[in-house]
Amino acid sequence: EDKKAEIDTLAAEYIESVKNMLPEERVEHLKKIQSAYSKCK
């Protein structure tokens, strides 16, 4: 449940600031979300 809450927060941050992110920052943020999903699984 804690990890799912973390995923929700990361996803909300990504959607809010994706337009202002550099390509590298987008990749890094998506990797964090993917890592959180892997840990949740």
All heavy atoms as atom14 arrays in JSON, in Angstrom:
{
  "sequence": "EDKKAEIDTLAAEYIESVKNMLPEERVEHLKKIQSAYSKCK",
  "atom14_mask": [
    [1, 1, 1, 1, 1, 1, 1, 1, 1, 0, 0, 0, 0, 0],
    [1, 1, 1, 1, 1, 1, 1, 1, 0, 0, 0, 0, 0, 0],
    [1, 1, 1, 1, 1, 1, 1, 1, 1, 0, 0, 0, 0, 0],
    [1, 1, 1, 1, 1, 1, 1, 1, 1, 0, 0, 0, 0, 0],
    [1, 1, 1, 1, 1, 0, 0, 0, 0, 0, 0, 0, 0, 0],
    [1, 1, 1, 1, 1, 1, 1, 1, 1, 0, 0, 0, 0, 0],
    [1, 1, 1, 1, 1, 1, 1, 1, 0, 0, 0, 0, 0, 0],
    [1, 1, 1, 1, 1, 1, 1, 1, 0, 0, 0, 0, 0, 0],
    [1, 1, 1, 1, 1, 1, 1, 0, 0, 0, 0, 0, 0, 0],
    [1, 1, 1, 1, 1, 1, 1, 1, 0, 0, 0, 0, 0, 0],
    [1, 1, 1, 1, 1, 0, 0, 0, 0, 0, 0, 0, 0, 0],
    [1, 1, 1, 1, 1, 0, 0, 0, 0, 0, 0, 0, 0, 0],
    [1, 1, 1, 1, 1, 1, 1, 1, 1, 0, 0, 0, 0, 0],
    [1, 1, 1, 1, 1, 1, 1, 1, 1, 1, 1, 1, 0, 0],
    [1, 1, 1, 1, 1, 1, 1, 1, 0, 0, 0, 0, 0, 0],
    [1, 1, 1, 1, 1, 1, 1, 1, 1, 0, 0, 0, 0, 0],
    [1, 1, 1, 1, 1, 1, 0, 0, 0, 0, 0, 0, 0, 0],
    [1, 1, 1, 1, 1, 1, 1, 0, 0, 0, 0, 0, 0, 0],
    [1, 1, 1, 1, 1, 1, 1, 1, 1, 0, 0, 0, 0, 0],
    [1, 1, 1, 1, 1, 1, 1, 1, 0, 0, 0, 0, 0, 0],
    [1, 1, 1, 1, 1, 1, 1, 1, 0, 0, 0, 0, 0, 0],
    [1, 1, 1, 1, 1, 1, 1, 1, 0, 0, 0, 0, 0, 0],
    [1, 1, 1, 1, 1, 1, 1, 0, 0, 0, 0, 0, 0, 0],
    [1, 1, 1, 1, 1, 1, 1, 1, 1, 0, 0, 0, 0, 0],
    [1, 1, 1, 1, 1, 1, 1, 1, 1, 0, 0, 0, 0, 0],
    [1, 1, 1, 1, 1, 1, 1, 1, 1, 1, 1, 0, 0, 0],
    [1, 1, 1, 1, 1, 1, 1, 0, 0, 0, 0, 0, 0, 0],
    [1, 1, 1, 1, 1, 1, 1, 1, 1, 0, 0, 0, 0, 0],
    [1, 1, 1, 1, 1, 1, 1, 1, 1, 1, 0, 0, 0, 0],
    [1, 1, 1, 1, 1, 1, 1, 1, 0, 0, 0, 0, 0, 0],
    [1, 1, 1, 1, 1, 1, 1, 1, 1, 0, 0, 0, 0, 0],
    [1, 1, 1, 1, 1, 1, 1, 1, 1, 0, 0, 0, 0, 0],
    [1, 1, 1, 1, 1, 1, 1, 1, 0, 0, 0, 0, 0, 0],
    [1, 1, 1, 1, 1, 1, 1, 1, 1, 0, 0, 0, 0, 0],
    [1, 1, 1, 1, 1, 1, 0, 0, 0, 0, 0, 0, 0, 0],
    [1, 1, 1, 1, 1, 0, 0, 0, 0, 0, 0, 0, 0, 0],
    [1, 1, 1, 1, 1, 1, 1, 1, 1, 1, 1, 1, 0, 0],
    [1, 1, 1, 1, 1, 1, 0, 0, 0, 0, 0, 0, 0, 0],
    [1, 1, 1, 1, 1, 1, 1, 1, 1, 0, 0, 0, 0, 0],
    [1, 1, 1, 1, 1, 1, 0, 0, 0, 0, 0, 0, 0, 0],
    [1, 1, 1, 1, 1, 1, 1, 1, 1, 0, 0, 0, 0, 0]
  ],
  "atom14_positions": [
    [[0.83, -1.21, 0.0], [0.0, 0.0, 0.0], [0.86, 1.26, 0.0], [0.55, 2.24, -0.7], [-0.93, 0.0, 1.22], [-2.01, -1.07, 1.16], [-2.92, -0.91, -0.04], [-3.26, 0.25, -0.38], [-3.28, -1.93, -0.65], [0.0, 0.0, 0.0], [0.0, 0.0, 0.0], [0.0, 0.0, 0.0], [0.0, 0.0, 0.0], [0.0, 0.0, 0.0]],
    [[1.95, 1.24, 0.77], [2.86, 2.39, 0.8], [3.49, 2.62, -0.57], [3.62, 3.77, -1.04], [3.96, 2.18, 1.84], [3.42, 2.17, 3.26], [2.28, 2.63, 3.46], [4.14, 1.67, 4.16], [0.0, 0.0, 0.0], [0.0, 0.0, 0.0], [0.0, 0.0, 0.0], [0.0, 0.0, 0.0], [0.0, 0.0, 0.0], [0.0, 0.0, 0.0]],
    [[3.86, 1.54, -1.23], [4.49, 1.66, -2.54], [3.48, 2.14, -3.58], [3.81, 2.93, -4.49], [5.08, 0.32, -2.95], [6.0, 0.35, -4.16], [7.18, 1.27, -3.96], [8.13, 0.8, -2.9], [9.36, 1.66, -2.82], [0.0, 0.0, 0.0], [0.0, 0.0, 0.0], [0.0, 0.0, 0.0], [0.0, 0.0, 0.0], [0.0, 0.0, 0.0]],
    [[2.22, 1.71, -3.47], [1.17, 2.18, -4.39], [0.93, 3.68, -4.21], [0.72, 4.41, -5.18], [-0.12, 1.39, -4.14], [-0.07, -0.02, -4.66], [-1.21, -0.86, -4.13], [-2.55, -0.37, -4.63], [-3.66, -1.25, -4.16], [0.0, 0.0, 0.0], [0.0, 0.0, 0.0], [0.0, 0.0, 0.0], [0.0, 0.0, 0.0], [0.0, 0.0, 0.0]],
    [[0.97, 4.15, -2.97], [0.83, 5.59, -2.72], [1.99, 6.36, -3.33], [1.8, 7.45, -3.9], [0.75, 5.85, -1.22], [0.0, 0.0, 0.0], [0.0, 0.0, 0.0], [0.0, 0.0, 0.0], [0.0, 0.0, 0.0], [0.0, 0.0, 0.0], [0.0, 0.0, 0.0], [0.0, 0.0, 0.0], [0.0, 0.0, 0.0], [0.0, 0.0, 0.0]],
    [[3.19, 5.78, -3.24], [4.36, 6.41, -3.85], [4.22, 6.48, -5.37], [4.57, 7.48, -5.99], [5.61, 5.62, -3.46], [6.89, 6.18, -4.02], [8.1, 5.33, -3.69], [8.03, 4.57, -2.7], [9.12, 5.42, -4.41], [0.0, 0.0, 0.0], [0.0, 0.0, 0.0], [0.0, 0.0, 0.0], [0.0, 0.0, 0.0], [0.0, 0.0, 0.0]],
    [[3.68, 5.41, -5.96], [3.48, 5.39, -7.42], [2.49, 6.47, -7.83], [2.68, 7.17, -8.83], [2.99, 4.0, -7.86], [4.1, 2.96, -7.69], [2.53, 4.02, -9.31], [3.65, 1.53, -7.9], [0.0, 0.0, 0.0], [0.0, 0.0, 0.0], [0.0, 0.0, 0.0], [0.0, 0.0, 0.0], [0.0, 0.0, 0.0], [0.0, 0.0, 0.0]],
    [[1.4, 6.62, -7.06], [0.4, 7.64, -7.37], [1.02, 9.03, -7.32], [0.74, 9.9, -8.17], [-0.77, 7.55, -6.38], [-1.6, 6.29, -6.59], [-1.52, 5.7, -7.69], [-2.32, 5.88, -5.65], [0.0, 0.0, 0.0], [0.0, 0.0, 0.0], [0.0, 0.0, 0.0], [0.0, 0.0, 0.0], [0.0, 0.0, 0.0], [0.0, 0.0, 0.0]],
    [[1.87, 9.27, -6.32], [2.53, 10.58, -6.18], [3.46, 10.84, -7.36], [3.47, 11.95, -7.95], [3.31, 10.65, -4.87], [2.42, 10.4, -3.77], [3.96, 12.0, -4.69], [0.0, 0.0, 0.0], [0.0, 0.0, 0.0], [0.0, 0.0, 0.0], [0.0, 0.0, 0.0], [0.0, 0.0, 0.0], [0.0, 0.0, 0.0], [0.0, 0.0, 0.0]],
    [[4.27, 9.84, -7.72], [5.2, 9.99, -8.84], [4.46, 10.21, -10.16], [4.87, 11.04, -10.99], [6.08, 8.75, -8.96], [7.14, 8.55, -7.86], [7.8, 7.19, -7.99], [8.2, 9.65, -7.94], [0.0, 0.0, 0.0], [0.0, 0.0, 0.0], [0.0, 0.0, 0.0], [0.0, 0.0, 0.0], [0.0, 0.0, 0.0], [0.0, 0.0, 0.0]],
    [[3.35, 9.5, -10.34], [2.57, 9.65, -11.56], [1.95, 11.05, -11.65], [1.94, 11.68, -12.73], [1.47, 8.59, -11.62], [0.0, 0.0, 0.0], [0.0, 0.0, 0.0], [0.0, 0.0, 0.0], [0.0, 0.0, 0.0], [0.0, 0.0, 0.0], [0.0, 0.0, 0.0], [0.0, 0.0, 0.0], [0.0, 0.0, 0.0], [0.0, 0.0, 0.0]],
    [[1.44, 11.54, -10.5], [0.86, 12.88, -10.49], [1.92, 13.94, -10.79], [1.67, 14.91, -11.54], [0.21, 13.15, -9.13], [0.0, 0.0, 0.0], [0.0, 0.0, 0.0], [0.0, 0.0, 0.0], [0.0, 0.0, 0.0], [0.0, 0.0, 0.0], [0.0, 0.0, 0.0], [0.0, 0.0, 0.0], [0.0, 0.0, 0.0], [0.0, 0.0, 0.0]],
    [[3.11, 13.78, -10.22], [4.2, 14.73, -10.48], [4.61, 14.71, -11.95], [4.89, 15.76, -12.55], [5.4, 14.39, -9.6], [5.2, 14.66, -8.12], [6.37, 14.21, -7.29], [7.32, 13.62, -7.88], [6.35, 14.41, -6.06], [0.0, 0.0, 0.0], [0.0, 0.0, 0.0], [0.0, 0.0, 0.0], [0.0, 0.0, 0.0], [0.0, 0.0, 0.0]],
    [[4.64, 13.5, -12.53], [5.04, 13.38, -13.93], [4.02, 14.07, -14.84], [4.4, 14.8, -15.76], [5.16, 11.9, -14.29], [5.6, 11.67, -15.72], [6.94, 11.77, -16.08], [4.66, 11.35, -16.7], [7.34, 11.56, -17.39], [5.06, 11.14, -18.02], [6.39, 11.24, -18.35], [6.78, 11.04, -19.67], [0.0, 0.0, 0.0], [0.0, 0.0, 0.0]],
    [[2.74, 13.82, -14.6], [1.7, 14.42, -15.44], [1.71, 15.95, -15.31], [1.51, 16.67, -16.3], [0.31, 13.86, -15.04], [0.25, 12.37, -15.39], [-0.81, 14.62, -15.75], [-1.01, 11.68, -14.88], [0.0, 0.0, 0.0], [0.0, 0.0, 0.0], [0.0, 0.0, 0.0], [0.0, 0.0, 0.0], [0.0, 0.0, 0.0], [0.0, 0.0, 0.0]],
    [[1.97, 16.44, -14.11], [1.94, 17.88, -13.87], [3.1, 18.63, -14.53], [2.94, 19.73, -15.04], [1.95, 18.14, -12.35], [1.82, 19.6, -11.97], [1.82, 19.8, -10.48], [1.72, 18.79, -9.74], [1.91, 20.96, -10.03], [0.0, 0.0, 0.0], [0.0, 0.0, 0.0], [0.0, 0.0, 0.0], [0.0, 0.0, 0.0], [0.0, 0.0, 0.0]],
    [[4.27, 18.01, -14.53], [5.45, 18.72, -15.02], [6.11, 18.08, -16.24], [7.25, 18.41, -16.56], [6.47, 18.86, -13.89], [6.67, 17.64, -13.24], [0.0, 0.0, 0.0], [0.0, 0.0, 0.0], [0.0, 0.0, 0.0], [0.0, 0.0, 0.0], [0.0, 0.0, 0.0], [0.0, 0.0, 0.0], [0.0, 0.0, 0.0], [0.0, 0.0, 0.0]],
    [[5.41, 17.16, -16.93], [6.03, 16.49, -18.07], [6.35, 17.47, -19.21], [7.34, 17.3, -19.94], [5.12, 15.36, -18.58], [3.8, 15.89, -19.09], [5.84, 14.53, -19.66], [0.0, 0.0, 0.0], [0.0, 0.0, 0.0], [0.0, 0.0, 0.0], [0.0, 0.0, 0.0], [0.0, 0.0, 0.0], [0.0, 0.0, 0.0], [0.0, 0.0, 0.0]],
    [[5.52, 18.5, -19.36], [5.74, 19.45, -20.46], [7.02, 20.25, -20.26], [7.64, 20.68, -21.24], [4.55, 20.41, -20.55], [3.25, 19.73, -20.96], [2.13, 20.74, -21.05], [0.83, 20.07, -21.48], [-0.31, 21.03, -21.55], [0.0, 0.0, 0.0], [0.0, 0.0, 0.0], [0.0, 0.0, 0.0], [0.0, 0.0, 0.0], [0.0, 0.0, 0.0]],
    [[7.42, 20.47, -19.03], [8.61, 21.27, -18.75], [9.87, 20.42, -18.53], [10.93, 20.96, -18.24], [8.38, 22.13, -17.5], [7.18, 23.06, -17.68], [6.95, 23.58, -18.78], [6.43, 23.27, -16.59], [0.0, 0.0, 0.0], [0.0, 0.0, 0.0], [0.0, 0.0, 0.0], [0.0, 0.0, 0.0], [0.0, 0.0, 0.0], [0.0, 0.0, 0.0]],
    [[9.75, 19.13, -18.65], [10.89, 18.24, -18.41], [11.72, 18.05, -19.67], [11.19, 18.03, -20.79], [10.4, 16.86, -17.94], [9.91, 16.82, -16.52], [9.46, 15.11, -16.07], [8.96, 15.34, -14.37], [0.0, 0.0, 0.0], [0.0, 0.0, 0.0], [0.0, 0.0, 0.0], [0.0, 0.0, 0.0], [0.0, 0.0, 0.0], [0.0, 0.0, 0.0]],
    [[13.0, 17.86, -19.44], [13.88, 17.48, -20.53], [13.7, 15.98, -20.8], [13.23, 15.23, -19.94], [15.33, 17.77, -20.15], [15.7, 19.25, -19.93], [17.12, 19.37, -19.41], [15.53, 20.04, -21.23], [0.0, 0.0, 0.0], [0.0, 0.0, 0.0], [0.0, 0.0, 0.0], [0.0, 0.0, 0.0], [0.0, 0.0, 0.0], [0.0, 0.0, 0.0]],
    [[14.07, 15.51, -21.98], [13.92, 14.07, -22.29], [14.6, 13.17, -21.26], [14.07, 12.12, -20.88], [14.58, 13.94, -23.66], [14.4, 15.29, -24.28], [14.53, 16.27, -23.15], [0.0, 0.0, 0.0], [0.0, 0.0, 0.0], [0.0, 0.0, 0.0], [0.0, 0.0, 0.0], [0.0, 0.0, 0.0], [0.0, 0.0, 0.0], [0.0, 0.0, 0.0]],
    [[15.8, 13.62, -20.79], [16.5, 12.8, -19.81], [15.74, 12.72, -18.48], [15.69, 11.7, -17.81], [17.91, 13.36, -19.56], [18.85, 13.29, -20.76], [18.61, 14.45, -21.73], [17.75, 15.33, -21.43], [19.26, 14.49, -22.79], [0.0, 0.0, 0.0], [0.0, 0.0, 0.0], [0.0, 0.0, 0.0], [0.0, 0.0, 0.0], [0.0, 0.0, 0.0]],
    [[15.14, 13.87, -18.11], [14.38, 13.91, -16.86], [13.12, 13.04, -16.95], [12.74, 12.39, -15.97], [13.99, 15.35, -16.54], [15.17, 16.24, -16.19], [14.76, 17.68, -15.97], [13.7, 18.1, -16.48], [15.51, 18.4, -15.26], [0.0, 0.0, 0.0], [0.0, 0.0, 0.0], [0.0, 0.0, 0.0], [0.0, 0.0, 0.0], [0.0, 0.0, 0.0]],
    [[12.49, 13.03, -18.12], [11.31, 12.19, -18.32], [11.68, 10.71, -18.16], [10.97, 9.95, -17.46], [10.71, 12.4, -19.7], [10.11, 13.78, -19.92], [9.57, 13.9, -21.32], [9.05, 15.24, -21.6], [8.56, 15.62, -22.77], [8.53, 14.77, -23.8], [8.1, 16.86, -22.92], [0.0, 0.0, 0.0], [0.0, 0.0, 0.0], [0.0, 0.0, 0.0]],
    [[12.8, 10.32, -18.78], [13.24, 8.94, -18.68], [13.55, 8.56, -17.24], [13.17, 7.49, -16.74], [14.47, 8.7, -19.58], [15.05, 7.31, -19.33], [14.12, 8.87, -21.05], [0.0, 0.0, 0.0], [0.0, 0.0, 0.0], [0.0, 0.0, 0.0], [0.0, 0.0, 0.0], [0.0, 0.0, 0.0], [0.0, 0.0, 0.0], [0.0, 0.0, 0.0]],
    [[14.23, 9.48, -16.54], [14.58, 9.22, -15.16], [13.33, 9.08, -14.28], [13.25, 8.19, -13.42], [15.46, 10.36, -14.63], [16.03, 10.12, -13.25], [17.04, 8.98, -13.22], [17.65, 8.69, -14.27], [17.2, 8.36, -12.14], [0.0, 0.0, 0.0], [0.0, 0.0, 0.0], [0.0, 0.0, 0.0], [0.0, 0.0, 0.0], [0.0, 0.0, 0.0]],
    [[12.35, 9.92, -14.51], [11.12, 9.87, -13.72], [10.33, 8.58, -14.0], [9.79, 7.95, -13.09], [10.25, 11.1, -14.03], [9.31, 11.45, -12.93], [9.63, 12.32, -11.91], [8.05, 11.02, -12.67], [8.6, 12.42, -11.08], [7.63, 11.64, -11.53], [0.0, 0.0, 0.0], [0.0, 0.0, 0.0], [0.0, 0.0, 0.0], [0.0, 0.0, 0.0]],
    [[10.28, 8.21, -15.27], [9.57, 6.98, -15.64], [10.27, 5.75, -15.05], [9.61, 4.77, -14.69], [9.48, 6.87, -17.16], [8.52, 7.85, -17.85], [8.64, 7.74, -19.37], [7.08, 7.55, -17.42], [0.0, 0.0, 0.0], [0.0, 0.0, 0.0], [0.0, 0.0, 0.0], [0.0, 0.0, 0.0], [0.0, 0.0, 0.0], [0.0, 0.0, 0.0]],
    [[11.59, 5.81, -14.96], [12.32, 4.7, -14.36], [11.98, 4.56, -12.87], [11.87, 3.44, -12.35], [13.84, 4.92, -14.52], [14.35, 4.6, -15.91], [15.87, 4.76, -15.97], [16.4, 4.4, -17.35], [17.88, 4.54, -17.43], [0.0, 0.0, 0.0], [0.0, 0.0, 0.0], [0.0, 0.0, 0.0], [0.0, 0.0, 0.0], [0.0, 0.0, 0.0]],
    [[11.79, 5.72, -12.19], [11.39, 5.66, -10.78], [10.02, 5.0, -10.63], [9.81, 4.18, -9.74], [11.35, 7.08, -10.2], [12.72, 7.71, -9.99], [12.57, 9.09, -9.37], [13.93, 9.74, -9.16], [13.79, 11.12, -8.57], [0.0, 0.0, 0.0], [0.0, 0.0, 0.0], [0.0, 0.0, 0.0], [0.0, 0.0, 0.0], [0.0, 0.0, 0.0]],
    [[9.1, 5.38, -11.54], [7.76, 4.78, -11.48], [7.83, 3.28, -11.77], [7.2, 2.47, -11.09], [6.82, 5.48, -12.48], [6.61, 6.94, -12.08], [5.47, 4.75, -12.54], [5.78, 7.73, -13.06], [0.0, 0.0, 0.0], [0.0, 0.0, 0.0], [0.0, 0.0, 0.0], [0.0, 0.0, 0.0], [0.0, 0.0, 0.0], [0.0, 0.0, 0.0]],
    [[8.63, 2.91, -12.77], [8.78, 1.5, -13.11], [9.41, 0.71, -11.97], [8.99, -0.42, -11.67], [9.62, 1.36, -14.37], [9.74, -0.07, -14.87], [10.54, -0.17, -16.17], [11.1, 0.83, -16.64], [10.59, -1.34, -16.74], [0.0, 0.0, 0.0], [0.0, 0.0, 0.0], [0.0, 0.0, 0.0], [0.0, 0.0, 0.0], [0.0, 0.0, 0.0]],
    [[10.41, 1.31, -11.31], [11.05, 0.64, -10.18], [10.07, 0.44, -9.03], [10.06, -0.61, -8.37], [12.25, 1.48, -9.71], [12.84, 0.91, -8.57], [0.0, 0.0, 0.0], [0.0, 0.0, 0.0], [0.0, 0.0, 0.0], [0.0, 0.0, 0.0], [0.0, 0.0, 0.0], [0.0, 0.0, 0.0], [0.0, 0.0, 0.0], [0.0, 0.0, 0.0]],
    [[9.21, 1.44, -8.8], [8.21, 1.32, -7.74], [7.21, 0.22, -8.07], [6.79, -0.54, -7.19], [7.5, 2.66, -7.54], [0.0, 0.0, 0.0], [0.0, 0.0, 0.0], [0.0, 0.0, 0.0], [0.0, 0.0, 0.0], [0.0, 0.0, 0.0], [0.0, 0.0, 0.0], [0.0, 0.0, 0.0], [0.0, 0.0, 0.0], [0.0, 0.0, 0.0]],
    [[6.8, 0.14, -9.34], [5.89, -0.94, -9.76], [6.54, -2.31, -9.56], [5.89, -3.27, -9.12], [5.5, -0.75, -11.22], [4.22, 0.02, -11.42], [4.23, 1.24, -12.1], [3.0, -0.47, -10.95], [3.06, 1.97, -12.28], [1.83, 0.25, -11.14], [1.86, 1.46, -11.8], [0.7, 2.16, -11.97], [0.0, 0.0, 0.0], [0.0, 0.0, 0.0]],
    [[7.81, -2.42, -9.91], [8.52, -3.7, -9.75], [8.59, -4.11, -8.29], [8.4, -5.29, -7.94], [9.94, -3.59, -10.32], [9.91, -3.3, -11.71], [0.0, 0.0, 0.0], [0.0, 0.0, 0.0], [0.0, 0.0, 0.0], [0.0, 0.0, 0.0], [0.0, 0.0, 0.0], [0.0, 0.0, 0.0], [0.0, 0.0, 0.0], [0.0, 0.0, 0.0]],
    [[8.85, -3.12, -7.41], [8.91, -3.42, -5.98], [7.54, -3.82, -5.47], [7.42, -4.76, -4.64], [9.4, -2.17, -5.23], [10.03, -2.49, -3.89], [11.33, -3.25, -4.07], [11.99, -3.55, -2.74], [13.21, -4.38, -2.91], [0.0, 0.0, 0.0], [0.0, 0.0, 0.0], [0.0, 0.0, 0.0], [0.0, 0.0, 0.0], [0.0, 0.0, 0.0]],
    [[6.5, -3.17, -5.96], [5.13, -3.51, -5.55], [4.78, -4.94, -5.96], [4.18, -5.69, -5.19], [4.16, -2.51, -6.17], [2.48, -2.6, -5.54], [0.0, 0.0, 0.0], [0.0, 0.0, 0.0], [0.0, 0.0, 0.0], [0.0, 0.0, 0.0], [0.0, 0.0, 0.0], [0.0, 0.0, 0.0], [0.0, 0.0, 0.0], [0.0, 0.0, 0.0]],
    [[5.17, -5.32, -7.18], [4.94, -6.68, -7.66], [5.73, -7.69, -6.84], [5.24, -8.79, -6.53], [5.32, -6.8, -9.13], [5.05, -8.17, -9.74], [5.42, -8.19, -11.2], [5.13, -9.57, -11.81], [5.86, -10.65, -11.15], [0.0, 0.0, 0.0], [0.0, 0.0, 0.0], [0.0, 0.0, 0.0], [0.0, 0.0, 0.0], [0.0, 0.0, 0.0]]
  ]
}
